[in-house]
Amino acid sequence: MSIPGNRSRQFCGTVITVQKQAAPSGSQAVVMGSPASCKTATTCAEMPAAGATCESSTGRPAAASSQMGSPRYVIYASATTPDLVAAKYAPKVHGFLARLFAESNAGKPLMHEYYENYFDLYWDLHLGVTGEAIPPEVRTIGAGFTAVLGHWYPTEDIVRENIMRVRELRPRLREWIDRRVQAVIDGDVQDPEGTFVHYWLKNGQGGEHFRREDIVFECFHNFLAFSQWGNMLYRTMALLDEGSGDPAVRSWFERAMTNGPDAADGGAFTPLDRYVMELFRTVSPNGGSLSTVSTERGADPRSGSVLTLHPSVS
């Protein structure tokens, strides 16, 4: 297996296969986010113009940092607090990972199997919908979006074709999401409190900071944000690849897994915890962020952009 160039989002042309390895048993917490921190406010209602007290499943306030303390961000983050991840989302993620790394998948291309089940997890987390309840056109738009991210270069025919397909189907996707949001409101899903949408509705309270149309948008916008899960998995498995992986990464993995991976030995973290944290510190699933800025020189308005490279600041 070879990793092509620096095409950070490219999965095509490279096959990483699922390999079975013996490892000590024991449950590991799956954490997909980090708690928001707050320097001064104790509840979201104390944030200027927040207009809502943001609570998670246990009634604890979801706080916001001074840098990301906008009411919209606070409400968005209220759906991904650590208690919700542990109580509501981790079981769904555990099931997804169990299916992905099932023995029956050994020897199969990893990312193919990942995307076979990924959108069931995605829509289950957002709207509580899986399986046949996801319409074919919704799956098609997900596959098209993934193809654009995977091939990336806009001059390629496959990128252009999938961009046009996504644009064509987007109105139908928006309508479907809106209907499913209503289903969450009506309790017409198996576990409404196991969805992001439930907490966005609860904490947005129908106000201006997180309107229903914003909820619909975020359900689609997260296609881009959640694509980093696939990037992270791909890059991690590439580092661990038996044939062309990184020797240091493989060596530390072996050390972590053969010397009590789940034993904290009085410390805050287990060897496996520390290994995973180091992977997340050094592997950047998102190569950078592009921010647009408006400038004015005299009477001549100009627009520009600022690129923040993530690997260099990790």
C-alpha atoms as a PDB file:
ATOM      1  CA  MET A   1       0.000   0.000   0.000  1.00  0.00           C
ATOM      2  CA  SER A   2       1.238   3.473  -0.813  1.00  0.00           C
ATOM      3  CA  ILE A   3      -0.104   6.805   0.322  1.00  0.00           C
ATOM      4  CA  PRO A   4      -0.388   9.200  -2.652  1.00  0.00           C
ATOM      5  CA  GLY A   5       1.210  12.610  -2.245  1.00  0.00           C
ATOM      6  CA  ASN A   6      -0.284  15.220   0.042  1.00  0.00           C
ATOM      7  CA  ARG A   7      -3.848  14.831  -1.141  1.00  0.00           C
ATOM      8  CA  SER A   8      -5.230  15.041   2.339  1.00  0.00           C
ATOM      9  CA  ARG A   9      -8.749  13.951   1.481  1.00  0.00           C
ATOM     10  CA  GLN A  10      -7.969  11.364  -1.145  1.00  0.00           C
ATOM     11  CA  PHE A  11      -8.996   7.807  -0.389  1.00  0.00           C
ATOM     12  CA  CYS A  12      -9.196   6.599  -3.984  1.00  0.00           C
ATOM     13  CA  GLY A  13      -6.316   4.604  -5.394  1.00  0.00           C
ATOM     14  CA  THR A  14      -5.173   3.479  -1.948  1.00  0.00           C
ATOM     15  CA  VAL A  15      -6.516   0.387  -0.273  1.00  0.00           C
ATOM     16  CA  ILE A  16      -6.090  -0.161   3.434  1.00  0.00           C
ATOM     17  CA  THR A  17      -7.493  -3.510   4.463  1.00  0.00           C
ATOM     18  CA  VAL A  18      -8.994  -4.421   7.795  1.00  0.00           C
ATOM     19  CA  GLN A  19      -6.622  -6.671   9.704  1.00  0.00           C
ATOM     20  CA  LYS A  20      -7.536  -8.698  12.766  1.00  0.00           C
ATOM     21  CA  GLN A  21      -5.137  -8.435  15.691  1.00  0.00           C
ATOM     22  CA  ALA A  22      -5.453  -9.965  19.107  1.00  0.00           C
ATOM     23  CA  ALA A  23      -5.806  -7.386  21.832  1.00  0.00           C
ATOM     24  CA  PRO A  24      -6.693  -7.500  25.508  1.00  0.00           C
ATOM     25  CA  SER A  25     -10.381  -7.336  26.207  1.00  0.00           C
ATOM     26  CA  GLY A  26     -11.925  -4.396  27.998  1.00  0.00           C
ATOM     27  CA  SER A  27     -14.222  -1.575  27.136  1.00  0.00           C
ATOM     28  CA  GLN A  28     -12.833   1.723  25.934  1.00  0.00           C
ATOM     29  CA  ALA A  29     -14.729   4.956  26.007  1.00  0.00           C
ATOM     30  CA  VAL A  30     -15.386   6.492  22.635  1.00  0.00           C
ATOM     31  CA  VAL A  31     -15.073  10.258  22.799  1.00  0.00           C
ATOM     32  CA  MET A  32     -16.080  12.265  19.755  1.00  0.00           C
ATOM     33  CA  GLY A  33     -15.793  15.728  21.147  1.00  0.00           C
ATOM     34  CA  SER A  34     -14.419  17.756  24.001  1.00  0.00           C
ATOM     35  CA  PRO A  35     -16.233  19.642  26.706  1.00  0.00           C
ATOM     36  CA  ALA A  36     -16.716  23.296  26.033  1.00  0.00           C
ATOM     37  CA  SER A  37     -14.986  25.483  28.589  1.00  0.00           C
ATOM     38  CA  CYS A  38     -16.144  28.735  30.088  1.00  0.00           C
ATOM     39  CA  LYS A  39     -13.966  31.300  31.830  1.00  0.00           C
ATOM     40  CA  THR A  40     -16.614  33.546  33.329  1.00  0.00           C
ATOM     41  CA  ALA A  41     -20.174  32.392  32.703  1.00  0.00           C
ATOM     42  CA  THR A  42     -21.688  29.413  34.508  1.00  0.00           C
ATOM     43  CA  THR A  43     -24.696  29.003  32.246  1.00  0.00           C
ATOM     44  CA  CYS A  44     -25.419  29.897  28.683  1.00  0.00           C
ATOM     45  CA  ALA A  45     -28.072  32.304  29.878  1.00  0.00           C
ATOM     46  CA  GLU A  46     -25.302  34.436  31.360  1.00  0.00           C
ATOM     47  CA  MET A  47     -23.718  34.877  27.956  1.00  0.00           C
ATOM     48  CA  PRO A  48     -24.655  38.222  26.400  1.00  0.00           C
ATOM     49  CA  ALA A  49     -27.828  37.905  24.358  1.00  0.00           C
ATOM     50  CA  ALA A  50     -27.790  34.134  24.622  1.00  0.00           C
ATOM     51  CA  GLY A  51     -31.509  34.014  25.265  1.00  0.00           C
ATOM     52  CA  ALA A  52     -31.487  30.420  26.463  1.00  0.00           C
ATOM     53  CA  THR A  53     -30.071  28.228  29.196  1.00  0.00           C
ATOM     54  CA  CYS A  54     -28.399  25.383  27.364  1.00  0.00           C
ATOM     55  CA  GLU A  55     -28.679  22.047  29.098  1.00  0.00           C
ATOM     56  CA  SER A  56     -27.517  18.574  28.247  1.00  0.00           C
ATOM     57  CA  SER A  57     -29.139  15.289  29.230  1.00  0.00           C
ATOM     58  CA  THR A  58     -28.322  15.669  32.928  1.00  0.00           C
ATOM     59  CA  GLY A  59     -29.485  19.255  33.120  1.00  0.00           C
ATOM     60  CA  ARG A  60     -25.946  20.588  33.371  1.00  0.00           C
ATOM     61  CA  PRO A  61     -25.312  23.846  31.521  1.00  0.00           C
ATOM     62  CA  ALA A  62     -23.237  23.647  28.362  1.00  0.00           C
ATOM     63  CA  ALA A  63     -20.671  26.418  28.662  1.00  0.00           C
ATOM     64  CA  ALA A  64     -18.760  28.269  25.995  1.00  0.00           C
ATOM     65  CA  SER A  65     -15.292  29.715  25.730  1.00  0.00           C
ATOM     66  CA  SER A  66     -14.654  33.378  25.214  1.00  0.00           C
ATOM     67  CA  GLN A  67     -13.465  32.680  21.672  1.00  0.00           C
ATOM     68  CA  MET A  68     -16.446  30.589  20.668  1.00  0.00           C
ATOM     69  CA  GLY A  69     -19.046  32.126  22.932  1.00  0.00           C
ATOM     70  CA  SER A  70     -21.582  33.153  20.337  1.00  0.00           C
ATOM     71  CA  PRO A  71     -25.108  32.017  21.229  1.00  0.00           C
ATOM     72  CA  ARG A  72     -25.296  29.875  18.102  1.00  0.00           C
ATOM     73  CA  TYR A  73     -22.079  28.035  18.939  1.00  0.00           C
ATOM     74  CA  VAL A  74     -23.196  27.487  22.529  1.00  0.00           C
ATOM     75  CA  ILE A  75     -26.476  25.952  21.404  1.00  0.00           C
ATOM     76  CA  TYR A  76     -24.715  23.817  18.796  1.00  0.00           C
ATOM     77  CA  ALA A  77     -22.225  22.539  21.388  1.00  0.00           C
ATOM     78  CA  SER A  78     -24.998  21.717  23.841  1.00  0.00           C
ATOM     79  CA  ALA A  79     -25.760  18.604  21.774  1.00  0.00           C
ATOM     80  CA  THR A  80     -22.240  17.187  22.145  1.00  0.00           C
ATOM     81  CA  THR A  81     -21.415  17.497  25.857  1.00  0.00           C
ATOM     82  CA  PRO A  82     -19.413  14.638  27.452  1.00  0.00           C
ATOM     83  CA  ASP A  83     -22.397  13.280  29.365  1.00  0.00           C
ATOM     84  CA  LEU A  84     -24.407  13.028  26.157  1.00  0.00           C
ATOM     85  CA  VAL A  85     -21.545  11.334  24.349  1.00  0.00           C
ATOM     86  CA  ALA A  86     -21.281   8.734  27.097  1.00  0.00           C
ATOM     87  CA  ALA A  87     -24.992   8.154  27.669  1.00  0.00           C
ATOM     88  CA  LYS A  88     -26.602   8.673  24.267  1.00  0.00           C
ATOM     89  CA  TYR A  89     -24.066   8.523  21.442  1.00  0.00           C
ATOM     90  CA  ALA A  90     -21.312   6.111  22.509  1.00  0.00           C
ATOM     91  CA  PRO A  91     -23.549   3.014  22.180  1.00  0.00           C
ATOM     92  CA  LYS A  92     -24.323   3.999  18.590  1.00  0.00           C
ATOM     93  CA  VAL A  93     -20.642   4.539  17.821  1.00  0.00           C
ATOM     94  CA  HIS A  94     -19.667   1.283  19.517  1.00  0.00           C
ATOM     95  CA  GLY A  95     -22.121  -0.576  17.293  1.00  0.00           C
ATOM     96  CA  PHE A  96     -20.739   1.132  14.203  1.00  0.00           C
ATOM     97  CA  LEU A  97     -17.143   0.230  15.103  1.00  0.00           C
ATOM     98  CA  ALA A  98     -18.101  -3.340  15.966  1.00  0.00           C
ATOM     99  CA  ARG A  99     -19.617  -3.765  12.502  1.00  0.00           C
ATOM    100  CA  LEU A 100     -16.649  -2.074  10.833  1.00  0.00           C
ATOM    101  CA  PHE A 101     -14.033  -4.258  12.497  1.00  0.00           C
ATOM    102  CA  ALA A 102     -16.059  -7.461  12.422  1.00  0.00           C
ATOM    103  CA  GLU A 103     -14.063 -10.569  11.559  1.00  0.00           C
ATOM    104  CA  SER A 104     -16.093 -10.926   8.371  1.00  0.00           C
ATOM    105  CA  ASN A 105     -14.520  -7.678   7.111  1.00  0.00           C
ATOM    106  CA  ALA A 106     -10.941  -8.893   7.479  1.00  0.00           C
ATOM    107  CA  GLY A 107      -9.043  -8.348   4.233  1.00  0.00           C
ATOM    108  CA  LYS A 108     -11.610  -5.953   2.782  1.00  0.00           C
ATOM    109  CA  PRO A 109     -10.828  -2.324   1.848  1.00  0.00           C
ATOM    110  CA  LEU A 110     -11.292  -0.379   5.070  1.00  0.00           C
ATOM    111  CA  MET A 111     -12.828   2.826   3.747  1.00  0.00           C
ATOM    112  CA  HIS A 112     -15.316   0.954   1.562  1.00  0.00           C
ATOM    113  CA  GLU A 113     -16.651  -0.839   4.624  1.00  0.00           C
ATOM    114  CA  TYR A 114     -16.565   2.419   6.583  1.00  0.00           C
ATOM    115  CA  TYR A 115     -18.808   4.244   4.131  1.00  0.00           C
ATOM    116  CA  GLU A 116     -21.125   1.253   3.797  1.00  0.00           C
ATOM    117  CA  ASN A 117     -22.353   2.010   7.330  1.00  0.00           C
ATOM    118  CA  TYR A 118     -21.248   5.582   7.971  1.00  0.00           C
ATOM    119  CA  PHE A 119     -24.423   7.389   6.935  1.00  0.00           C
ATOM    120  CA  ASP A 120     -26.575   5.103   9.072  1.00  0.00           C
ATOM    121  CA  LEU A 121     -24.546   6.332  12.041  1.00  0.00           C
ATOM    122  CA  TYR A 122     -24.592   9.929  10.802  1.00  0.00           C
ATOM    123  CA  TRP A 123     -28.373  10.158  10.471  1.00  0.00           C
ATOM    124  CA  ASP A 124     -28.941   8.153  13.641  1.00  0.00           C
ATOM    125  CA  LEU A 125     -26.916  10.687  15.626  1.00  0.00           C
ATOM    126  CA  HIS A 126     -28.632  13.680  14.067  1.00  0.00           C
ATOM    127  CA  LEU A 127     -32.206  12.500  13.546  1.00  0.00           C
ATOM    128  CA  GLY A 128     -32.591   8.988  14.960  1.00  0.00           C
ATOM    129  CA  VAL A 129     -32.999   7.455  11.494  1.00  0.00           C
ATOM    130  CA  THR A 130     -31.280   4.335  10.147  1.00  0.00           C
ATOM    131  CA  GLY A 131     -31.701   1.586   7.582  1.00  0.00           C
ATOM    132  CA  GLU A 132     -34.649   1.693   5.200  1.00  0.00           C
ATOM    133  CA  ALA A 133     -35.941   4.887   6.823  1.00  0.00           C
ATOM    134  CA  ILE A 134     -33.155   6.712   4.969  1.00  0.00           C
ATOM    135  CA  PRO A 135     -34.424   7.361   1.396  1.00  0.00           C
ATOM    136  CA  PRO A 136     -32.244   6.321  -1.564  1.00  0.00           C
ATOM    137  CA  GLU A 137     -31.808   9.937  -2.703  1.00  0.00           C
ATOM    138  CA  VAL A 138     -30.471  10.866   0.746  1.00  0.00           C
ATOM    139  CA  ARG A 139     -27.921   8.073   0.517  1.00  0.00           C
ATOM    140  CA  THR A 140     -27.068   9.198  -3.020  1.00  0.00           C
ATOM    141  CA  ILE A 141     -26.334  12.746  -1.936  1.00  0.00           C
ATOM    142  CA  GLY A 142     -24.147  11.413   0.872  1.00  0.00           C
ATOM    143  CA  ALA A 143     -22.194   9.264  -1.567  1.00  0.00           C
ATOM    144  CA  GLY A 144     -21.828  12.218  -3.940  1.00  0.00           C
ATOM    145  CA  PHE A 145     -20.560  14.480  -1.188  1.00  0.00           C
ATOM    146  CA  THR A 146     -18.063  11.826  -0.121  1.00  0.00           C
ATOM    147  CA  ALA A 147     -16.842  11.429  -3.714  1.00  0.00           C
ATOM    148  CA  VAL A 148     -16.204  15.178  -3.961  1.00  0.00           C
ATOM    149  CA  LEU A 149     -14.211  15.165  -0.722  1.00  0.00           C
ATOM    150  CA  GLY A 150     -12.338  12.052  -1.749  1.00  0.00           C
ATOM    151  CA  HIS A 151     -11.265  13.091  -5.244  1.00  0.00           C
ATOM    152  CA  TRP A 152     -11.138  16.792  -4.337  1.00  0.00           C
ATOM    153  CA  TYR A 153      -9.694  18.308  -7.527  1.00  0.00           C
ATOM    154  CA  PRO A 154     -12.454  20.335  -9.268  1.00  0.00           C
ATOM    155  CA  THR A 155     -11.000  19.696 -12.733  1.00  0.00           C
ATOM    156  CA  GLU A 156     -11.770  15.978 -12.513  1.00  0.00           C
ATOM    157  CA  ASP A 157     -14.980  14.820 -14.177  1.00  0.00           C
ATOM    158  CA  ILE A 158     -16.016  12.727 -11.202  1.00  0.00           C
ATOM    159  CA  VAL A 159     -15.840  15.788  -8.939  1.00  0.00           C
ATOM    160  CA  ARG A 160     -17.902  17.949 -11.297  1.00  0.00           C
ATOM    161  CA  GLU A 161     -20.498  15.206 -11.824  1.00  0.00           C
ATOM    162  CA  ASN A 162     -20.951  14.635  -8.125  1.00  0.00           C
ATOM    163  CA  ILE A 163     -21.118  18.350  -7.355  1.00  0.00           C
ATOM    164  CA  MET A 164     -23.964  18.658  -9.836  1.00  0.00           C
ATOM    165  CA  ARG A 165     -25.698  15.607  -8.387  1.00  0.00           C
ATOM    166  CA  VAL A 166     -25.463  17.023  -4.871  1.00  0.00           C
ATOM    167  CA  ARG A 167     -26.850  20.367  -6.028  1.00  0.00           C
ATOM    168  CA  GLU A 168     -29.708  18.646  -7.811  1.00  0.00           C
ATOM    169  CA  LEU A 169     -30.717  16.574  -4.797  1.00  0.00           C
ATOM    170  CA  ARG A 170     -30.126  19.164  -2.095  1.00  0.00           C
ATOM    171  CA  PRO A 171     -33.704  20.576  -2.088  1.00  0.00           C
ATOM    172  CA  ARG A 172     -35.090  17.073  -1.528  1.00  0.00           C
ATOM    173  CA  LEU A 173     -32.557  16.478   1.230  1.00  0.00           C
ATOM    174  CA  ARG A 174     -33.549  19.720   2.912  1.00  0.00           C
ATOM    175  CA  GLU A 175     -37.248  18.773   2.777  1.00  0.00           C
ATOM    176  CA  TRP A 176     -36.553  15.320   4.191  1.00  0.00           C
ATOM    177  CA  ILE A 177     -34.457  16.712   7.045  1.00  0.00           C
ATOM    178  CA  ASP A 178     -37.213  19.186   7.896  1.00  0.00           C
ATOM    179  CA  ARG A 179     -39.749  16.346   8.093  1.00  0.00           C
ATOM    180  CA  ARG A 180     -37.435  14.361  10.329  1.00  0.00           C
ATOM    181  CA  VAL A 181     -36.908  17.381  12.587  1.00  0.00           C
ATOM    182  CA  GLN A 182     -40.680  17.507  12.973  1.00  0.00           C
ATOM    183  CA  ALA A 183     -40.640  13.800  13.834  1.00  0.00           C
ATOM    184  CA  VAL A 184     -38.187  14.523  16.654  1.00  0.00           C
ATOM    185  CA  ILE A 185     -40.466  17.314  17.890  1.00  0.00           C
ATOM    186  CA  ASP A 186     -43.465  14.978  17.806  1.00  0.00           C
ATOM    187  CA  GLY A 187     -41.541  12.161  19.490  1.00  0.00           C
ATOM    188  CA  ASP A 188     -42.045  10.021  16.414  1.00  0.00           C
ATOM    189  CA  VAL A 189     -38.577   8.454  16.681  1.00  0.00           C
ATOM    190  CA  GLN A 190     -37.422   5.653  18.948  1.00  0.00           C
ATOM    191  CA  ASP A 191     -35.231   7.839  21.177  1.00  0.00           C
ATOM    192  CA  PRO A 192     -35.585  11.587  20.520  1.00  0.00           C
ATOM    193  CA  GLU A 193     -33.146  12.397  23.323  1.00  0.00           C
ATOM    194  CA  GLY A 194     -30.515  10.344  21.523  1.00  0.00           C
ATOM    195  CA  THR A 195     -30.300  12.893  18.693  1.00  0.00           C
ATOM    196  CA  PHE A 196     -28.433  16.164  18.226  1.00  0.00           C
ATOM    197  CA  VAL A 197     -31.618  17.755  16.955  1.00  0.00           C
ATOM    198  CA  HIS A 198     -33.426  17.233  20.261  1.00  0.00           C
ATOM    199  CA  TYR A 199     -30.920  19.404  22.139  1.00  0.00           C
ATOM    200  CA  TRP A 200     -30.721  22.017  19.407  1.00  0.00           C
ATOM    201  CA  LEU A 201     -34.491  22.358  19.587  1.00  0.00           C
ATOM    202  CA  LYS A 202     -34.548  22.364  23.368  1.00  0.00           C
ATOM    203  CA  ASN A 203     -31.809  24.928  23.829  1.00  0.00           C
ATOM    204  CA  GLY A 204     -32.583  27.041  20.779  1.00  0.00           C
ATOM    205  CA  GLN A 205     -36.166  27.412  21.989  1.00  0.00           C
ATOM    206  CA  GLY A 206     -37.249  28.535  18.534  1.00  0.00           C
ATOM    207  CA  GLY A 207     -35.334  31.782  18.956  1.00  0.00           C
ATOM    208  CA  GLU A 208     -33.296  33.780  16.504  1.00  0.00           C
ATOM    209  CA  HIS A 209     -29.959  32.259  17.474  1.00  0.00           C
ATOM    210  CA  PHE A 210     -30.778  28.720  16.335  1.00  0.00           C
ATOM    211  CA  ARG A 211     -33.851  28.714  14.166  1.00  0.00           C
ATOM    212  CA  ARG A 212     -35.413  25.609  12.691  1.00  0.00           C
ATOM    213  CA  GLU A 213     -33.853  26.435   9.334  1.00  0.00           C
ATOM    214  CA  ASP A 214     -30.490  26.600  11.110  1.00  0.00           C
ATOM    215  CA  ILE A 215     -31.065  23.124  12.526  1.00  0.00           C
ATOM    216  CA  VAL A 216     -31.875  21.799   9.063  1.00  0.00           C
ATOM    217  CA  PHE A 217     -28.744  23.464   7.717  1.00  0.00           C
ATOM    218  CA  GLU A 218     -26.483  22.035  10.423  1.00  0.00           C
ATOM    219  CA  CYS A 219     -27.772  18.518   9.739  1.00  0.00           C
ATOM    220  CA  PHE A 220     -26.418  18.904   6.217  1.00  0.00           C
ATOM    221  CA  HIS A 221     -23.432  21.105   7.005  1.00  0.00           C
ATOM    222  CA  ASN A 222     -22.027  18.408   9.292  1.00  0.00           C
ATOM    223  CA  PHE A 223     -21.352  16.335   6.182  1.00  0.00           C
ATOM    224  CA  LEU A 224     -18.180  18.398   5.950  1.00  0.00           C
ATOM    225  CA  ALA A 225     -17.323  18.471   9.655  1.00  0.00           C
ATOM    226  CA  PHE A 226     -17.905  14.759  10.209  1.00  0.00           C
ATOM    227  CA  SER A 227     -15.826  13.854   7.161  1.00  0.00           C
ATOM    228  CA  GLN A 228     -12.855  14.335   9.487  1.00  0.00           C
ATOM    229  CA  TRP A 229     -13.790  11.058  11.190  1.00  0.00           C
ATOM    230  CA  GLY A 230     -13.018   9.209   7.974  1.00  0.00           C
ATOM    231  CA  ASN A 231      -9.841  11.230   7.453  1.00  0.00           C
ATOM    232  CA  MET A 232      -8.641  10.417  10.954  1.00  0.00           C
ATOM    233  CA  LEU A 233      -9.411   6.726  10.621  1.00  0.00           C
ATOM    234  CA  TYR A 234      -7.719   6.510   7.227  1.00  0.00           C
ATOM    235  CA  ARG A 235      -4.557   8.266   8.354  1.00  0.00           C
ATOM    236  CA  THR A 236      -4.344   6.288  11.573  1.00  0.00           C
ATOM    237  CA  MET A 237      -4.667   2.984   9.740  1.00  0.00           C
ATOM    238  CA  ALA A 238      -2.102   4.152   7.190  1.00  0.00           C
ATOM    239  CA  LEU A 239       0.379   4.796  10.001  1.00  0.00           C
ATOM    240  CA  LEU A 240      -0.327   1.329  11.420  1.00  0.00           C
ATOM    241  CA  ASP A 241      -0.183  -0.451   8.054  1.00  0.00           C
ATOM    242  CA  GLU A 242       1.975  -3.544   8.290  1.00  0.00           C
ATOM    243  CA  GLY A 243       3.706  -2.959   4.982  1.00  0.00           C
ATOM    244  CA  SER A 244       4.285   0.774   4.732  1.00  0.00           C
ATOM    245  CA  GLY A 245       3.230   2.259   8.041  1.00  0.00           C
ATOM    246  CA  ASP A 246       5.307   4.400  10.371  1.00  0.00           C
ATOM    247  CA  PRO A 247       7.714   2.176  12.374  1.00  0.00           C
ATOM    248  CA  ALA A 248       7.604   4.445  15.439  1.00  0.00           C
ATOM    249  CA  VAL A 249       3.804   4.564  15.480  1.00  0.00           C
ATOM    250  CA  ARG A 250       3.607   0.786  15.105  1.00  0.00           C
ATOM    251  CA  SER A 251       6.207   0.240  17.827  1.00  0.00           C
ATOM    252  CA  TRP A 252       4.393   2.434  20.333  1.00  0.00           C
ATOM    253  CA  PHE A 253       1.113   0.728  19.497  1.00  0.00           C
ATOM    254  CA  GLU A 254       2.648  -2.658  20.257  1.00  0.00           C
ATOM    255  CA  ARG A 255       4.053  -1.352  23.537  1.00  0.00           C
ATOM    256  CA  ALA A 256       0.711   0.143  24.545  1.00  0.00           C
ATOM    257  CA  MET A 257      -1.248  -3.004  23.740  1.00  0.00           C
ATOM    258  CA  THR A 258       1.106  -5.500  25.407  1.00  0.00           C
ATOM    259  CA  ASN A 259       1.715  -3.683  28.701  1.00  0.00           C
ATOM    260  CA  GLY A 260      -1.685  -3.333  30.323  1.00  0.00           C
ATOM    261  CA  PRO A 261      -3.407  -1.005  27.829  1.00  0.00           C
ATOM    262  CA  ASP A 262      -6.387  -0.481  30.145  1.00  0.00           C
ATOM    263  CA  ALA A 263      -4.429  -0.098  33.393  1.00  0.00           C
ATOM    264  CA  ALA A 264      -4.054   3.485  34.603  1.00  0.00           C
ATOM    265  CA  ASP A 265      -1.733   2.417  37.457  1.00  0.00           C
ATOM    266  CA  GLY A 266      -2.846   5.274  39.627  1.00  0.00           C
ATOM    267  CA  GLY A 267      -2.559   7.886  36.887  1.00  0.00           C
ATOM    268  CA  ALA A 268      -5.251   9.777  35.053  1.00  0.00           C
ATOM    269  CA  PHE A 269      -4.876   7.901  31.769  1.00  0.00           C
ATOM    270  CA  THR A 270      -4.144   4.395  30.584  1.00  0.00           C
ATOM    271  CA  PRO A 271      -1.340   3.637  28.094  1.00  0.00           C
ATOM    272  CA  LEU A 272      -3.938   3.256  25.352  1.00  0.00           C
ATOM    273  CA  ASP A 273      -5.531   6.587  26.339  1.00  0.00           C
ATOM    274  CA  ARG A 274      -2.167   8.317  26.024  1.00  0.00           C
ATOM    275  CA  TYR A 275      -1.441   6.621  22.703  1.00  0.00           C
ATOM    276  CA  VAL A 276      -4.766   7.734  21.224  1.00  0.00           C
ATOM    277  CA  MET A 277      -4.321  11.292  22.516  1.00  0.00           C
ATOM    278  CA  GLU A 278      -0.896  11.444  20.892  1.00  0.00           C
ATOM    279  CA  LEU A 279      -2.384  10.296  17.597  1.00  0.00           C
ATOM    280  CA  PHE A 280      -4.982  13.062  17.790  1.00  0.00           C
ATOM    281  CA  ARG A 281      -2.249  15.560  18.646  1.00  0.00           C
ATOM    282  CA  THR A 282      -0.044  14.673  15.695  1.00  0.00           C
ATOM    283  CA  VAL A 283      -2.509  13.554  13.002  1.00  0.00           C
ATOM    284  CA  SER A 284      -4.535  16.387  11.506  1.00  0.00           C
ATOM    285  CA  PRO A 285      -7.796  15.162   9.949  1.00  0.00           C
ATOM    286  CA  ASN A 286      -8.359  18.665   8.620  1.00  0.00           C
ATOM    287  CA  GLY A 287      -5.384  20.252   6.888  1.00  0.00           C
ATOM    288  CA  GLY A 288      -6.446  23.817   7.526  1.00  0.00           C
ATOM    289  CA  SER A 289      -9.144  26.434   7.897  1.00  0.00           C
ATOM    290  CA  LEU A 290      -9.924  29.180   5.397  1.00  0.00           C
ATOM    291  CA  SER A 291     -11.407  32.385   6.765  1.00  0.00           C
ATOM    292  CA  THR A 292     -12.660  35.256   4.630  1.00  0.00           C
ATOM    293  CA  VAL A 293     -12.012  38.842   5.644  1.00  0.00           C
ATOM    294  CA  SER A 294     -13.210  42.145   4.301  1.00  0.00           C
ATOM    295  CA  THR A 295     -10.794  45.030   3.997  1.00  0.00           C
ATOM    296  CA  GLU A 296     -11.116  48.579   2.817  1.00  0.00           C
ATOM    297  CA  ARG A 297      -8.474  50.824   1.399  1.00  0.00           C
ATOM    298  CA  GLY A 298      -9.973  54.221   1.062  1.00  0.00           C
ATOM    299  CA  ALA A 299     -13.160  53.884  -0.973  1.00  0.00           C
ATOM    300  CA  ASP A 300     -12.040  50.636  -2.601  1.00  0.00           C
ATOM    301  CA  PRO A 301     -13.493  47.619  -0.729  1.00  0.00           C
ATOM    302  CA  ARG A 302     -11.544  44.406  -1.017  1.00  0.00           C
ATOM    303  CA  SER A 303     -12.010  40.874   0.172  1.00  0.00           C
ATOM    304  CA  GLY A 304      -9.327  38.426   1.114  1.00  0.00           C
ATOM    305  CA  SER A 305      -8.771  35.203   2.974  1.00  0.00           C
ATOM    306  CA  VAL A 306      -6.603  33.807   5.729  1.00  0.00           C
ATOM    307  CA  LEU A 307      -5.421  30.201   5.689  1.00  0.00           C
ATOM    308  CA  THR A 308      -4.632  28.623   9.055  1.00  0.00           C
ATOM    309  CA  LEU A 309      -2.649  25.411   8.667  1.00  0.00           C
ATOM    310  CA  HIS A 310      -3.597  22.953  11.391  1.00  0.00           C
ATOM    311  CA  PRO A 311      -0.559  20.616  11.368  1.00  0.00           C
ATOM    312  CA  SER A 312       1.860  23.462  12.041  1.00  0.00           C
ATOM    313  CA  VAL A 313      -0.017  24.601  15.142  1.00  0.00           C
ATOM    314  CA  SER A 314      -0.691  21.124  16.585  1.00  0.00           C
END
